[in-house]
Amino acid sequence: MLSAITIGLLTLLGKAGEDADLENILKANTSKTRTYSLFRQGCEYYELLPEMREEWAKPLMDNFNRYLEQHHIY
């Protein structure tokens, strides 16, 4: 159960980062399509978050909080 919740939250974090146009900091190429799954992006953002620039972290966390509210996850 805990694993399923964790996967869901990391996937939402990945979606929040994608909507904040942060996926470009993860990409190693100039591909226009997604190169990492939303879950993988969420894992990367979670790892980078403590040292992430504020101009990246703020939209990421704003989007994440919005998704939590939309899905009634508190």
PDB file of N, CA and C in Angstrom:
ATOM      1  N   MET A   1       0.826  -1.188   0.000  1.00  0.00           N
ATOM      2  CA  MET A   1       0.000   0.000   0.000  1.00  0.00           C
ATOM      3  C   MET A   1       0.871   1.253   0.000  1.00  0.00           C
ATOM      4  N   LEU A   2       1.880   1.281   0.844  1.00  0.00           N
ATOM      5  CA  LEU A   2       2.775   2.430   0.919  1.00  0.00           C
ATOM      6  C   LEU A   2       3.517   2.640  -0.398  1.00  0.00           C
ATOM      7  N   SER A   3       3.915   1.564  -1.039  1.00  0.00           N
ATOM      8  CA  SER A   3       4.594   1.666  -2.340  1.00  0.00           C
ATOM      9  C   SER A   3       3.678   2.273  -3.391  1.00  0.00           C
ATOM     10  N   ALA A   4       2.429   1.880  -3.398  1.00  0.00           N
ATOM     11  CA  ALA A   4       1.472   2.416  -4.373  1.00  0.00           C
ATOM     12  C   ALA A   4       1.264   3.915  -4.163  1.00  0.00           C
ATOM     13  N   ILE A   5       1.176   4.343  -2.925  1.00  0.00           N
ATOM     14  CA  ILE A   5       1.017   5.770  -2.623  1.00  0.00           C
ATOM     15  C   ILE A   5       2.257   6.541  -3.058  1.00  0.00           C
ATOM     16  N   THR A   6       3.421   5.987  -2.771  1.00  0.00           N
ATOM     17  CA  THR A   6       4.674   6.630  -3.152  1.00  0.00           C
ATOM     18  C   THR A   6       4.790   6.772  -4.665  1.00  0.00           C
ATOM     19  N   ILE A   7       4.459   5.718  -5.387  1.00  0.00           N
ATOM     20  CA  ILE A   7       4.508   5.763  -6.851  1.00  0.00           C
ATOM     21  C   ILE A   7       3.543   6.829  -7.375  1.00  0.00           C
ATOM     22  N   GLY A   8       2.368   6.892  -6.815  1.00  0.00           N
ATOM     23  CA  GLY A   8       1.383   7.896  -7.233  1.00  0.00           C
ATOM     24  C   GLY A   8       1.871   9.313  -6.981  1.00  0.00           C
ATOM     25  N   LEU A   9       2.441   9.563  -5.794  1.00  0.00           N
ATOM     26  CA  LEU A   9       2.927  10.900  -5.477  1.00  0.00           C
ATOM     27  C   LEU A   9       4.121  11.292  -6.340  1.00  0.00           C
ATOM     28  N   LEU A  10       5.025  10.376  -6.598  1.00  0.00           N
ATOM     29  CA  LEU A  10       6.173  10.687  -7.454  1.00  0.00           C
ATOM     30  C   LEU A  10       5.741  10.925  -8.894  1.00  0.00           C
ATOM     31  N   THR A  11       4.716  10.201  -9.349  1.00  0.00           N
ATOM     32  CA  THR A  11       4.186  10.428 -10.689  1.00  0.00           C
ATOM     33  C   THR A  11       3.542  11.810 -10.779  1.00  0.00           C
ATOM     34  N   LEU A  12       2.806  12.213  -9.743  1.00  0.00           N
ATOM     35  CA  LEU A  12       2.229  13.558  -9.715  1.00  0.00           C
ATOM     36  C   LEU A  12       3.328  14.623  -9.700  1.00  0.00           C
ATOM     37  N   LEU A  13       4.406  14.373  -8.971  1.00  0.00           N
ATOM     38  CA  LEU A  13       5.529  15.310  -8.948  1.00  0.00           C
ATOM     39  C   LEU A  13       6.149  15.421 -10.334  1.00  0.00           C
ATOM     40  N   GLY A  14       6.253  14.301 -11.040  1.00  0.00           N
ATOM     41  CA  GLY A  14       6.764  14.322 -12.405  1.00  0.00           C
ATOM     42  C   GLY A  14       5.872  15.127 -13.324  1.00  0.00           C
ATOM     43  N   LYS A  15       4.570  14.962 -13.198  1.00  0.00           N
ATOM     44  CA  LYS A  15       3.614  15.728 -14.006  1.00  0.00           C
ATOM     45  C   LYS A  15       3.698  17.212 -13.668  1.00  0.00           C
ATOM     46  N   ALA A  16       3.862  17.521 -12.400  1.00  0.00           N
ATOM     47  CA  ALA A  16       3.997  18.918 -11.986  1.00  0.00           C
ATOM     48  C   ALA A  16       5.242  19.546 -12.597  1.00  0.00           C
ATOM     49  N   GLY A  17       6.331  18.805 -12.630  1.00  0.00           N
ATOM     50  CA  GLY A  17       7.556  19.304 -13.243  1.00  0.00           C
ATOM     51  C   GLY A  17       7.428  19.467 -14.741  1.00  0.00           C
ATOM     52  N   GLU A  18       6.750  18.535 -15.369  1.00  0.00           N
ATOM     53  CA  GLU A  18       6.549  18.626 -16.819  1.00  0.00           C
ATOM     54  C   GLU A  18       5.709  19.857 -17.155  1.00  0.00           C
ATOM     55  N   ASP A  19       4.671  20.114 -16.360  1.00  0.00           N
ATOM     56  CA  ASP A  19       3.826  21.284 -16.590  1.00  0.00           C
ATOM     57  C   ASP A  19       4.555  22.590 -16.286  1.00  0.00           C
ATOM     58  N   ALA A  20       5.590  22.528 -15.459  1.00  0.00           N
ATOM     59  CA  ALA A  20       6.405  23.708 -15.163  1.00  0.00           C
ATOM     60  C   ALA A  20       7.580  23.837 -16.139  1.00  0.00           C
ATOM     61  N   ASP A  21       7.579  22.988 -17.188  1.00  0.00           N
ATOM     62  CA  ASP A  21       8.641  22.977 -18.213  1.00  0.00           C
ATOM     63  C   ASP A  21      10.020  22.687 -17.634  1.00  0.00           C
ATOM     64  N   LEU A  22      10.068  21.837 -16.619  1.00  0.00           N
ATOM     65  CA  LEU A  22      11.354  21.480 -16.015  1.00  0.00           C
ATOM     66  C   LEU A  22      11.973  20.238 -16.630  1.00  0.00           C
ATOM     67  N   GLU A  23      11.231  19.534 -17.488  1.00  0.00           N
ATOM     68  CA  GLU A  23      11.785  18.303 -18.036  1.00  0.00           C
ATOM     69  C   GLU A  23      13.034  18.570 -18.860  1.00  0.00           C
ATOM     70  N   ASN A  24      13.194  19.795 -19.347  1.00  0.00           N
ATOM     71  CA  ASN A  24      14.377  20.132 -20.141  1.00  0.00           C
ATOM     72  C   ASN A  24      15.668  20.046 -19.332  1.00  0.00           C
ATOM     73  N   ILE A  25      15.577  20.218 -18.006  1.00  0.00           N
ATOM     74  CA  ILE A  25      16.796  20.102 -17.196  1.00  0.00           C
ATOM     75  C   ILE A  25      17.217  18.641 -17.038  1.00  0.00           C
ATOM     76  N   LEU A  26      16.302  17.721 -17.317  1.00  0.00           N
ATOM     77  CA  LEU A  26      16.613  16.296 -17.204  1.00  0.00           C
ATOM     78  C   LEU A  26      17.064  15.689 -18.517  1.00  0.00           C
ATOM     79  N   LYS A  27      16.646  16.287 -19.630  1.00  0.00           N
ATOM     80  CA  LYS A  27      16.920  15.699 -20.943  1.00  0.00           C
ATOM     81  C   LYS A  27      18.380  15.866 -21.337  1.00  0.00           C
ATOM     82  N   ALA A  28      18.907  14.836 -21.929  1.00  0.00           N
ATOM     83  CA  ALA A  28      20.272  14.877 -22.430  1.00  0.00           C
ATOM     84  C   ALA A  28      20.302  15.202 -23.916  1.00  0.00           C
ATOM     85  N   ASN A  29      19.129  15.397 -24.507  1.00  0.00           N
ATOM     86  CA  ASN A  29      19.054  15.693 -25.935  1.00  0.00           C
ATOM     87  C   ASN A  29      18.015  16.768 -26.185  1.00  0.00           C
ATOM     88  N   THR A  30      17.791  17.074 -27.439  1.00  0.00           N
ATOM     89  CA  THR A  30      16.828  18.118 -27.789  1.00  0.00           C
ATOM     90  C   THR A  30      15.512  17.542 -28.293  1.00  0.00           C
ATOM     91  N   SER A  31      15.232  16.324 -27.951  1.00  0.00           N
ATOM     92  CA  SER A  31      13.997  15.666 -28.381  1.00  0.00           C
ATOM     93  C   SER A  31      12.781  16.457 -27.912  1.00  0.00           C
ATOM     94  N   LYS A  32      11.774  16.538 -28.758  1.00  0.00           N
ATOM     95  CA  LYS A  32      10.541  17.246 -28.415  1.00  0.00           C
ATOM     96  C   LYS A  32       9.580  16.362 -27.608  1.00  0.00           C
ATOM     97  N   THR A  33       9.845  15.068 -27.589  1.00  0.00           N
ATOM     98  CA  THR A  33       8.964  14.155 -26.871  1.00  0.00           C
ATOM     99  C   THR A  33       9.555  13.816 -25.504  1.00  0.00           C
ATOM    100  N   ARG A  34       8.719  13.261 -24.645  1.00  0.00           N
ATOM    101  CA  ARG A  34       9.142  12.875 -23.293  1.00  0.00           C
ATOM    102  C   ARG A  34      10.176  11.759 -23.382  1.00  0.00           C
ATOM    103  N   THR A  35      11.294  11.935 -22.683  1.00  0.00           N
ATOM    104  CA  THR A  35      12.328  10.902 -22.683  1.00  0.00           C
ATOM    105  C   THR A  35      12.308  10.077 -21.397  1.00  0.00           C
ATOM    106  N   TYR A  36      11.771  10.642 -20.327  1.00  0.00           N
ATOM    107  CA  TYR A  36      11.622   9.929 -19.056  1.00  0.00           C
ATOM    108  C   TYR A  36      10.137   9.835 -18.728  1.00  0.00           C
ATOM    109  N   SER A  37       9.734   8.742 -18.091  1.00  0.00           N
ATOM    110  CA  SER A  37       8.352   8.617 -17.646  1.00  0.00           C
ATOM    111  C   SER A  37       8.085   9.668 -16.567  1.00  0.00           C
ATOM    112  N   LEU A  38       6.813   9.944 -16.307  1.00  0.00           N
ATOM    113  CA  LEU A  38       6.468  10.895 -15.254  1.00  0.00           C
ATOM    114  C   LEU A  38       6.981  10.408 -13.903  1.00  0.00           C
ATOM    115  N   PHE A  39       6.910   9.100 -13.678  1.00  0.00           N
ATOM    116  CA  PHE A  39       7.434   8.537 -12.425  1.00  0.00           C
ATOM    117  C   PHE A  39       8.925   8.807 -12.301  1.00  0.00           C
ATOM    118  N   ARG A  40       9.686   8.552 -13.365  1.00  0.00           N
ATOM    119  CA  ARG A  40      11.137   8.775 -13.342  1.00  0.00           C
ATOM    120  C   ARG A  40      11.457  10.248 -13.148  1.00  0.00           C
ATOM    121  N   GLN A  41      10.702  11.116 -13.822  1.00  0.00           N
ATOM    122  CA  GLN A  41      10.910  12.551 -13.625  1.00  0.00           C
ATOM    123  C   GLN A  41      10.654  12.925 -12.168  1.00  0.00           C
ATOM    124  N   GLY A  42       9.577  12.388 -11.595  1.00  0.00           N
ATOM    125  CA  GLY A  42       9.264  12.667 -10.197  1.00  0.00           C
ATOM    126  C   GLY A  42      10.379  12.228  -9.261  1.00  0.00           C
ATOM    127  N   CYS A  43      10.965  11.066  -9.536  1.00  0.00           N
ATOM    128  CA  CYS A  43      12.100  10.592  -8.730  1.00  0.00           C
ATOM    129  C   CYS A  43      13.271  11.556  -8.827  1.00  0.00           C
ATOM    130  N   GLU A  44      13.544  12.027 -10.041  1.00  0.00           N
ATOM    131  CA  GLU A  44      14.651  12.968 -10.247  1.00  0.00           C
ATOM    132  C   GLU A  44      14.383  14.292  -9.532  1.00  0.00           C
ATOM    133  N   TYR A  45      13.169  14.834  -9.671  1.00  0.00           N
ATOM    134  CA  TYR A  45      12.849  16.098  -9.006  1.00  0.00           C
ATOM    135  C   TYR A  45      12.925  15.953  -7.496  1.00  0.00           C
ATOM    136  N   TYR A  46      12.454  14.824  -6.978  1.00  0.00           N
ATOM    137  CA  TYR A  46      12.511  14.584  -5.531  1.00  0.00           C
ATOM    138  C   TYR A  46      13.963  14.602  -5.052  1.00  0.00           C
ATOM    139  N   GLU A  47      14.839  13.991  -5.830  1.00  0.00           N
ATOM    140  CA  GLU A  47      16.254  13.950  -5.458  1.00  0.00           C
ATOM    141  C   GLU A  47      16.898  15.335  -5.571  1.00  0.00           C
ATOM    142  N   LEU A  48      16.506  16.094  -6.574  1.00  0.00           N
ATOM    143  CA  LEU A  48      17.105  17.413  -6.816  1.00  0.00           C
ATOM    144  C   LEU A  48      16.502  18.517  -5.953  1.00  0.00           C
ATOM    145  N   LEU A  49      15.327  18.310  -5.422  1.00  0.00           N
ATOM    146  CA  LEU A  49      14.579  19.363  -4.740  1.00  0.00           C
ATOM    147  C   LEU A  49      15.341  20.085  -3.628  1.00  0.00           C
ATOM    148  N   PRO A  50      16.072  19.412  -2.751  1.00  0.00           N
ATOM    149  CA  PRO A  50      16.747  20.148  -1.672  1.00  0.00           C
ATOM    150  C   PRO A  50      17.739  21.215  -2.165  1.00  0.00           C
ATOM    151  N   GLU A  51      18.337  21.016  -3.319  1.00  0.00           N
ATOM    152  CA  GLU A  51      19.332  21.960  -3.838  1.00  0.00           C
ATOM    153  C   GLU A  51      18.846  22.692  -5.089  1.00  0.00           C
ATOM    154  N   MET A  52      17.574  22.526  -5.436  1.00  0.00           N
ATOM    155  CA  MET A  52      17.031  23.106  -6.664  1.00  0.00           C
ATOM    156  C   MET A  52      16.900  24.620  -6.524  1.00  0.00           C
ATOM    157  N   ARG A  53      17.167  25.316  -7.623  1.00  0.00           N
ATOM    158  CA  ARG A  53      16.973  26.767  -7.650  1.00  0.00           C
ATOM    159  C   ARG A  53      15.524  27.100  -7.333  1.00  0.00           C
ATOM    160  N   GLU A  54      15.348  28.215  -6.650  1.00  0.00           N
ATOM    161  CA  GLU A  54      13.996  28.599  -6.241  1.00  0.00           C
ATOM    162  C   GLU A  54      13.090  28.854  -7.447  1.00  0.00           C
ATOM    163  N   GLU A  55      13.634  29.409  -8.537  1.00  0.00           N
ATOM    164  CA  GLU A  55      12.793  29.681  -9.706  1.00  0.00           C
ATOM    165  C   GLU A  55      12.313  28.403 -10.385  1.00  0.00           C
ATOM    166  N   TRP A  56      12.929  27.276 -10.087  1.00  0.00           N
ATOM    167  CA  TRP A  56      12.456  25.973 -10.570  1.00  0.00           C
ATOM    168  C   TRP A  56      11.586  25.300  -9.516  1.00  0.00           C
ATOM    169  N   ALA A  57      12.005  25.403  -8.251  1.00  0.00           N
ATOM    170  CA  ALA A  57      11.292  24.707  -7.174  1.00  0.00           C
ATOM    171  C   ALA A  57       9.902  25.285  -6.939  1.00  0.00           C
ATOM    172  N   LYS A  58       9.763  26.598  -7.020  1.00  0.00           N
ATOM    173  CA  LYS A  58       8.459  27.205  -6.729  1.00  0.00           C
ATOM    174  C   LYS A  58       7.380  26.741  -7.699  1.00  0.00           C
ATOM    175  N   PRO A  59       7.581  26.836  -9.030  1.00  0.00           N
ATOM    176  CA  PRO A  59       6.512  26.349  -9.910  1.00  0.00           C
ATOM    177  C   PRO A  59       6.275  24.841  -9.780  1.00  0.00           C
ATOM    178  N   LEU A  60       7.339  24.094  -9.519  1.00  0.00           N
ATOM    179  CA  LEU A  60       7.200  22.651  -9.324  1.00  0.00           C
ATOM    180  C   LEU A  60       6.280  22.368  -8.146  1.00  0.00           C
ATOM    181  N   MET A  61       6.555  22.993  -7.014  1.00  0.00           N
ATOM    182  CA  MET A  61       5.764  22.736  -5.821  1.00  0.00           C
ATOM    183  C   MET A  61       4.369  23.344  -5.914  1.00  0.00           C
ATOM    184  N   ASP A  62       4.230  24.484  -6.590  1.00  0.00           N
ATOM    185  CA  ASP A  62       2.891  25.060  -6.793  1.00  0.00           C
ATOM    186  C   ASP A  62       2.025  24.110  -7.604  1.00  0.00           C
ATOM    187  N   ASN A  63       2.573  23.572  -8.701  1.00  0.00           N
ATOM    188  CA  ASN A  63       1.823  22.611  -9.515  1.00  0.00           C
ATOM    189  C   ASN A  63       1.506  21.350  -8.727  1.00  0.00           C
ATOM    190  N   PHE A  64       2.490  20.858  -7.974  1.00  0.00           N
ATOM    191  CA  PHE A  64       2.290  19.641  -7.181  1.00  0.00           C
ATOM    192  C   PHE A  64       1.164  19.848  -6.169  1.00  0.00           C
ATOM    193  N   ASN A  65       1.189  20.970  -5.467  1.00  0.00           N
ATOM    194  CA  ASN A  65       0.127  21.254  -4.494  1.00  0.00           C
ATOM    195  C   ASN A  65      -1.234  21.365  -5.163  1.00  0.00           C
ATOM    196  N   ARG A  66      -1.272  21.960  -6.348  1.00  0.00           N
ATOM    197  CA  ARG A  66      -2.530  22.081  -7.096  1.00  0.00           C
ATOM    198  C   ARG A  66      -3.070  20.688  -7.444  1.00  0.00           C
ATOM    199  N   TYR A  67      -2.178  19.790  -7.880  1.00  0.00           N
ATOM    200  CA  TYR A  67      -2.612  18.427  -8.202  1.00  0.00           C
ATOM    201  C   TYR A  67      -3.115  17.690  -6.959  1.00  0.00           C
ATOM    202  N   LEU A  68      -2.449  17.881  -5.848  1.00  0.00           N
ATOM    203  CA  LEU A  68      -2.906  17.232  -4.614  1.00  0.00           C
ATOM    204  C   LEU A  68      -4.299  17.710  -4.240  1.00  0.00           C
ATOM    205  N   GLU A  69      -4.528  19.024  -4.376  1.00  0.00           N
ATOM    206  CA  GLU A  69      -5.853  19.568  -4.062  1.00  0.00           C
ATOM    207  C   GLU A  69      -6.901  19.062  -5.049  1.00  0.00           C
ATOM    208  N   GLN A  70      -6.563  18.998  -6.331  1.00  0.00           N
ATOM    209  CA  GLN A  70      -7.518  18.528  -7.335  1.00  0.00           C
ATOM    210  C   GLN A  70      -7.917  17.088  -7.102  1.00  0.00           C
ATOM    211  N   HIS A  71      -6.988  16.271  -6.618  1.00  0.00           N
ATOM    212  CA  HIS A  71      -7.261  14.864  -6.394  1.00  0.00           C
ATOM    213  C   HIS A  71      -7.629  14.566  -4.935  1.00  0.00           C
ATOM    214  N   HIS A  72      -7.835  15.626  -4.156  1.00  0.00           N
ATOM    215  CA  HIS A  72      -8.237  15.511  -2.756  1.00  0.00           C
ATOM    216  C   HIS A  72      -7.262  14.639  -1.954  1.00  0.00           C
ATOM    217  N   ILE A  73      -5.975  14.858  -2.210  1.00  0.00           N
ATOM    218  CA  ILE A  73      -4.926  14.161  -1.456  1.00  0.00           C
ATOM    219  C   ILE A  73      -4.276  15.189  -0.541  1.00  0.00           C
ATOM    220  N   TYR A  74      -4.413  15.020   0.722  1.00  0.00           N
ATOM    221  CA  TYR A  74      -3.854  16.009   1.667  1.00  0.00           C
ATOM    222  C   TYR A  74      -2.810  15.392   2.512  1.00  0.00           C
TER     223      TYR A  74
END
